[in-house]
Amino acid sequence: MQRSLKTQGFTAGSGNRNSTVISQIRDRLNNAQNVLIASHVRPDGDAIGALLALGLALQNAGRTVQM
């Protein structure tokens, strides 16, 4: 079962360009079944942690994720 992704706890400000971009990203992820997540070359700990956190959250939401 695929669940909808939420942006709880994040406030980008209403009417802000960032909130528009975040809404577009959320909409794309909500409509995707398969997601590929990649990092930059020679990733540091932060990049690996962010990749894993997003990947696991998407898997919990019912997406097929390749990291």
Protein backbone atom coordinates (compact mmCIF):
# COMPACT_ATOMS: atom_id res chain seq x y z
CA MET A 1 0.00 0.00 0.00
CA GLN A 2 1.39 3.35 -1.04
CA ARG A 3 1.12 6.17 1.51
CA SER A 4 1.20 9.89 0.88
CA LEU A 5 4.34 11.77 1.88
CA LYS A 6 4.01 14.74 4.23
CA THR A 7 6.27 17.68 5.01
CA GLN A 8 5.40 17.89 8.68
CA GLY A 9 7.59 20.10 10.81
CA PHE A 10 8.89 22.05 7.83
CA THR A 11 7.82 25.62 7.22
CA ALA A 12 9.12 27.28 4.11
CA GLY A 13 6.79 30.26 4.34
CA SER A 14 3.64 30.76 2.33
CA GLY A 15 4.04 32.20 -1.14
CA ASN A 16 7.75 31.46 -1.00
CA ARG A 17 9.54 29.98 -4.03
CA ASN A 18 10.97 27.30 -1.73
CA SER A 19 7.50 26.16 -0.69
CA THR A 20 6.59 25.83 -4.39
CA VAL A 21 9.66 23.71 -5.07
CA ILE A 22 9.00 21.56 -2.01
CA SER A 23 5.39 21.06 -3.12
CA GLN A 24 6.56 19.99 -6.58
CA ILE A 25 9.05 17.51 -5.13
CA ARG A 26 6.41 16.11 -2.75
CA ASP A 27 3.92 15.74 -5.63
CA ARG A 28 6.44 13.90 -7.79
CA LEU A 29 7.38 11.53 -4.97
CA ASN A 30 3.70 10.93 -4.14
CA ASN A 31 3.05 9.92 -7.75
CA ALA A 32 6.16 7.76 -8.16
CA GLN A 33 6.26 4.03 -7.58
CA ASN A 34 9.97 3.53 -8.32
CA VAL A 35 12.60 5.97 -7.02
CA LEU A 36 16.35 6.09 -7.63
CA ILE A 37 18.41 8.02 -5.08
CA ALA A 38 22.04 8.90 -5.84
CA SER A 39 24.73 10.81 -4.02
CA HIS A 40 27.71 12.84 -5.14
CA VAL A 41 31.10 11.28 -5.90
CA ARG A 42 33.09 10.25 -2.82
CA PRO A 43 30.18 10.79 -0.40
CA ASP A 44 30.86 11.83 3.17
CA GLY A 45 28.91 10.65 6.21
CA ASP A 46 26.24 13.34 5.82
CA ALA A 47 25.55 12.35 2.22
CA ILE A 48 25.29 8.66 3.11
CA GLY A 49 23.05 9.39 6.10
CA ALA A 50 20.72 11.61 4.04
CA LEU A 51 20.55 9.01 1.25
CA LEU A 52 19.67 6.24 3.70
CA ALA A 53 17.13 8.35 5.60
CA LEU A 54 15.27 9.39 2.45
CA GLY A 55 15.46 5.89 1.00
CA LEU A 56 14.08 4.23 4.12
CA ALA A 57 11.32 6.85 4.47
CA LEU A 58 10.27 6.24 0.88
CA GLN A 59 10.32 2.47 1.42
CA ASN A 60 8.12 2.93 4.50
CA ALA A 61 5.74 4.91 2.30
CA GLY A 62 5.45 1.93 -0.05
CA ARG A 63 7.84 3.01 -2.81
CA THR A 64 10.37 0.75 -4.52
CA VAL A 65 13.72 2.44 -3.88
CA GLN A 66 17.15 1.83 -5.34
CA MET A 67 20.02 3.53 -3.52
